[in-house]
Amino acid sequence: MAIQLKLNHLHTYALKHEKQRKPGLSTSAPQRSQKFQAKAAPNARQLLQSGAIKPIPAKDAAMAMSSEGFVLLDIRPSWEREKARVSGSLHVPFFVQDLDNGPLTLLKKWVHFGYIGLWTGQNFTTLNPDFLRQVETAVPDKDTKLLVACGEGLRSMMAASKLYEKGYRNLGWLAGGFNRAADGDFPDVEGPEELQYATIGGVSYYFLQLLILLQAVGKSN
């Protein structure tokens, strides 16, 4: 009996304490977490799908530059641009050669050369830490129409996304990169190589030259 009376007393105390609790107290923690929840920035594919960045194929790029006022921003590394480039285009590399000679970086360079560099001729690179600042210096007006381009289209997609986050809102993306360009798509091209082959290097470059030679022999026969 004494135990039952004690249990009833505790139950009555708990109910009284529950009624005195302020309304909304139990939901304050979730509200506070929502207040400080950060909104994720859209990625490059989302920006393209929404139309915030305009995809422009190589066959339409010259018209976009001459008629719509787009300025071509070439973000390839210097060794690709030296092979072939569109006359009058701006150049700010998104990736630069990694000159760090620390033990870990040297190991990465060795692996890169064995698996990628020997075949493609590409140097071991790192993101250009001054990319955005250099673009802002070259193009201070963020209303300028920029057509961002690289060899295959992947690096330029990343670069365009970074520029959008920085406040550039009139952006185009060269869909597929210069590799998709055909002869005559860009009328003024400088350099010793074909624009669509400027990304190719290393052993693969010699395979390409052999393929071009075989095609030429086949046509002559």
Protein backbone atom coordinates (compact mmCIF):
# COMPACT_ATOMS: atom_id res chain seq x y z
CA MET A 1 0.00 0.00 0.00
CA ALA A 2 2.80 2.42 0.90
CA ILE A 3 4.56 1.67 -2.38
CA GLN A 4 1.34 2.28 -4.35
CA LEU A 5 0.78 5.65 -2.61
CA LYS A 6 4.35 6.68 -3.44
CA LEU A 7 3.91 5.76 -7.09
CA ASN A 8 0.67 7.75 -7.29
CA HIS A 9 2.43 10.75 -5.75
CA LEU A 10 5.25 10.59 -8.31
CA HIS A 11 2.74 10.32 -11.17
CA THR A 12 0.81 13.37 -9.92
CA TYR A 13 4.06 15.36 -9.60
CA ALA A 14 5.08 14.45 -13.15
CA LEU A 15 1.75 15.56 -14.61
CA LYS A 16 1.91 18.87 -12.70
CA HIS A 17 5.46 19.50 -13.93
CA GLU A 18 4.44 18.73 -17.55
CA LYS A 19 1.61 21.32 -17.43
CA GLN A 20 4.02 24.01 -16.20
CA ARG A 21 6.44 23.42 -19.10
CA LYS A 22 6.47 26.35 -21.58
CA PRO A 23 4.88 25.65 -24.96
CA GLY A 24 7.26 25.09 -27.90
CA LEU A 25 10.22 24.27 -25.67
CA SER A 26 10.70 20.82 -27.11
CA THR A 27 10.94 22.17 -30.69
CA SER A 28 13.51 24.89 -30.04
CA ALA A 29 16.54 22.72 -30.88
CA PRO A 30 15.34 21.71 -34.38
CA GLN A 31 14.40 25.33 -35.15
CA ARG A 32 17.86 26.47 -34.17
CA SER A 33 19.51 23.88 -36.45
CA GLN A 34 17.30 24.98 -39.38
CA LYS A 35 18.30 28.59 -38.83
CA PHE A 36 21.96 27.84 -39.44
CA GLN A 37 21.46 25.30 -42.23
CA ALA A 38 23.55 26.35 -45.26
CA LYS A 39 22.12 26.09 -48.76
CA ALA A 40 24.34 24.08 -51.08
CA ALA A 41 25.58 25.86 -54.21
CA PRO A 42 24.35 24.36 -57.51
CA ASN A 43 26.89 22.24 -59.39
CA ALA A 44 27.90 22.71 -63.01
CA ARG A 45 25.41 20.20 -64.43
CA GLN A 46 22.54 21.82 -62.54
CA LEU A 47 23.57 25.23 -63.88
CA LEU A 48 23.59 23.87 -67.44
CA GLN A 49 20.26 22.10 -67.04
CA SER A 50 18.62 25.22 -65.60
CA GLY A 51 19.98 27.44 -68.38
CA ALA A 52 22.05 29.57 -66.00
CA ILE A 53 25.06 28.56 -68.13
CA LYS A 54 24.40 28.27 -71.87
CA PRO A 55 25.86 25.25 -73.70
CA ILE A 56 27.21 26.26 -77.10
CA PRO A 57 28.51 23.62 -79.56
CA ALA A 58 31.70 24.31 -81.46
CA LYS A 59 29.82 24.74 -84.76
CA ASP A 60 27.86 27.67 -83.27
CA ALA A 61 30.70 29.24 -81.27
CA ALA A 62 31.93 31.64 -83.98
CA MET A 63 28.39 32.96 -84.47
CA ALA A 64 27.92 33.39 -80.72
CA MET A 65 31.13 35.42 -80.60
CA SER A 66 30.41 37.60 -83.63
CA SER A 67 26.65 38.09 -83.24
CA GLU A 68 25.93 37.65 -79.53
CA GLY A 69 29.09 39.27 -78.20
CA PHE A 70 30.60 36.28 -76.38
CA VAL A 71 34.29 36.56 -75.48
CA LEU A 72 36.14 33.23 -75.72
CA LEU A 73 37.92 32.34 -72.47
CA ASP A 74 40.44 29.55 -73.06
CA ILE A 75 41.17 27.86 -69.71
CA ARG A 76 43.51 25.13 -71.03
CA PRO A 77 47.06 24.84 -69.67
CA SER A 78 49.74 26.69 -71.62
CA TRP A 79 51.21 23.59 -73.33
CA GLU A 80 47.86 22.82 -74.97
CA ARG A 81 47.28 26.42 -76.02
CA GLU A 82 50.74 26.67 -77.59
CA LYS A 83 49.78 23.92 -80.03
CA ALA A 84 46.64 25.67 -81.29
CA ARG A 85 44.49 28.58 -80.14
CA VAL A 86 41.71 30.81 -81.40
CA SER A 87 43.02 34.24 -82.34
CA GLY A 88 41.96 36.98 -79.95
CA SER A 89 40.80 34.60 -77.21
CA LEU A 90 41.57 35.28 -73.57
CA HIS A 91 43.74 32.80 -71.71
CA VAL A 92 43.55 32.06 -67.99
CA PRO A 93 44.54 28.47 -67.14
CA PHE A 94 42.29 26.60 -64.73
CA PHE A 95 45.03 24.03 -64.09
CA VAL A 96 48.77 24.74 -63.94
CA GLN A 97 51.78 22.45 -63.75
CA ASP A 98 52.44 21.22 -60.21
CA LEU A 99 56.02 22.29 -59.43
CA ASP A 100 56.07 20.90 -55.89
CA ASN A 101 58.97 18.47 -55.42
CA GLY A 102 57.97 17.02 -52.06
CA PRO A 103 58.30 13.23 -51.65
CA LEU A 104 54.55 12.59 -51.89
CA THR A 105 54.14 14.80 -54.95
CA LEU A 106 57.12 13.15 -56.66
CA LEU A 107 55.52 9.76 -56.07
CA LYS A 108 52.24 11.03 -57.56
CA LYS A 109 54.12 12.43 -60.56
CA TRP A 110 55.81 9.06 -61.13
CA VAL A 111 52.47 7.23 -61.02
CA HIS A 112 50.87 9.90 -63.24
CA PHE A 113 53.62 9.56 -65.85
CA GLY A 114 53.35 5.78 -65.89
CA TYR A 115 49.58 5.66 -66.25
CA ILE A 116 48.62 8.95 -67.95
CA GLY A 117 51.52 11.23 -68.84
CA LEU A 118 53.39 8.81 -71.09
CA TRP A 119 50.25 8.11 -73.12
CA THR A 120 48.70 11.61 -73.26
CA GLY A 121 51.73 13.86 -72.84
CA GLN A 122 49.94 15.77 -70.08
CA ASN A 123 51.96 17.25 -67.23
CA PHE A 124 51.05 16.62 -63.60
CA THR A 125 48.81 19.56 -62.73
CA THR A 126 47.12 21.30 -59.84
CA LEU A 127 44.28 23.82 -59.69
CA ASN A 128 45.41 27.36 -60.42
CA PRO A 129 44.95 29.13 -57.05
CA ASP A 130 44.81 32.53 -58.79
CA PHE A 131 42.28 31.56 -61.47
CA LEU A 132 39.37 33.70 -60.26
CA ARG A 133 41.56 36.68 -59.46
CA GLN A 134 43.20 36.52 -62.89
CA VAL A 135 39.82 36.35 -64.64
CA GLU A 136 38.57 39.33 -62.63
CA THR A 137 41.68 41.25 -63.68
CA ALA A 138 41.20 40.39 -67.35
CA VAL A 139 37.39 40.77 -67.28
CA PRO A 140 36.39 43.14 -64.46
CA ASP A 141 32.86 43.64 -65.83
CA LYS A 142 30.91 40.61 -64.61
CA ASP A 143 28.12 41.30 -67.10
CA THR A 144 30.51 40.36 -69.92
CA LYS A 145 29.44 37.33 -71.95
CA LEU A 146 32.13 34.69 -71.49
CA LEU A 147 32.33 31.48 -73.51
CA VAL A 148 34.45 29.16 -71.35
CA ALA A 149 36.38 26.53 -73.31
CA CYS A 150 38.90 23.72 -72.86
CA GLY A 151 39.91 20.59 -74.78
CA GLU A 152 37.23 18.09 -73.78
CA GLY A 153 34.66 20.25 -71.94
CA LEU A 154 35.07 18.87 -68.42
CA ARG A 155 37.58 21.40 -67.10
CA SER A 156 35.66 24.30 -68.62
CA MET A 157 32.47 23.03 -67.00
CA MET A 158 34.17 23.22 -63.60
CA ALA A 159 35.64 26.63 -64.37
CA ALA A 160 32.29 28.05 -65.50
CA SER A 161 30.71 26.86 -62.25
CA LYS A 162 33.39 28.67 -60.23
CA LEU A 163 32.88 31.85 -62.27
CA TYR A 164 29.13 31.68 -61.71
CA GLU A 165 29.68 31.45 -57.95
CA LYS A 166 31.95 34.52 -58.23
CA GLY A 167 29.17 36.59 -59.79
CA TYR A 168 29.54 36.13 -63.56
CA ARG A 169 26.03 35.60 -64.88
CA ASN A 170 26.38 35.69 -68.71
CA LEU A 171 28.28 32.45 -69.17
CA GLY A 172 28.50 30.06 -72.07
CA TRP A 173 30.15 26.63 -72.11
CA LEU A 174 31.82 25.21 -75.21
CA ALA A 175 30.01 21.86 -75.27
CA GLY A 176 32.46 19.02 -75.79
CA GLY A 177 35.42 21.39 -75.94
CA PHE A 178 37.74 22.12 -78.83
CA ASN A 179 38.01 18.37 -79.49
CA ARG A 180 34.54 18.54 -81.06
CA ALA A 181 35.49 21.36 -83.40
CA ALA A 182 35.61 20.71 -87.12
CA ASP A 183 37.79 22.47 -89.67
CA GLY A 184 36.42 25.96 -90.19
CA ASP A 185 34.32 26.17 -87.00
CA PHE A 186 36.80 28.78 -85.77
CA PRO A 187 38.03 30.75 -88.79
CA ASP A 188 41.10 32.30 -87.14
CA VAL A 189 43.30 29.67 -85.48
CA GLU A 190 46.98 30.10 -84.60
CA GLY A 191 49.62 27.47 -83.79
CA PRO A 192 51.29 24.49 -85.45
CA GLU A 193 48.56 21.89 -84.72
CA GLU A 194 44.90 21.41 -85.52
CA LEU A 195 42.70 22.92 -82.80
CA GLN A 196 40.73 19.71 -82.28
CA TYR A 197 43.95 17.72 -81.69
CA ALA A 198 45.75 20.14 -79.35
CA THR A 199 44.84 18.15 -76.24
CA ILE A 200 46.38 14.96 -77.62
CA GLY A 201 50.04 14.29 -76.85
CA GLY A 202 52.54 11.64 -75.83
CA VAL A 203 52.35 8.20 -77.41
CA SER A 204 48.72 8.77 -78.42
CA TYR A 205 49.85 11.69 -80.62
CA TYR A 206 51.95 9.33 -82.78
CA PHE A 207 49.05 6.90 -83.06
CA LEU A 208 46.91 9.83 -84.21
CA GLN A 209 49.46 10.83 -86.84
CA LEU A 210 49.60 7.23 -88.09
CA LEU A 211 45.79 7.13 -88.31
CA ILE A 212 45.71 10.40 -90.28
CA LEU A 213 48.38 9.03 -92.65
CA LEU A 214 46.45 5.79 -93.19
CA GLN A 215 43.27 7.73 -93.89
CA ALA A 216 45.08 9.90 -96.42
CA VAL A 217 46.53 6.82 -98.16
CA GLY A 218 43.09 5.21 -98.22
CA LYS A 219 41.52 8.27 -99.85
CA SER A 220 44.28 8.44 -102.47
CA ASN A 221 43.62 4.83 -103.45
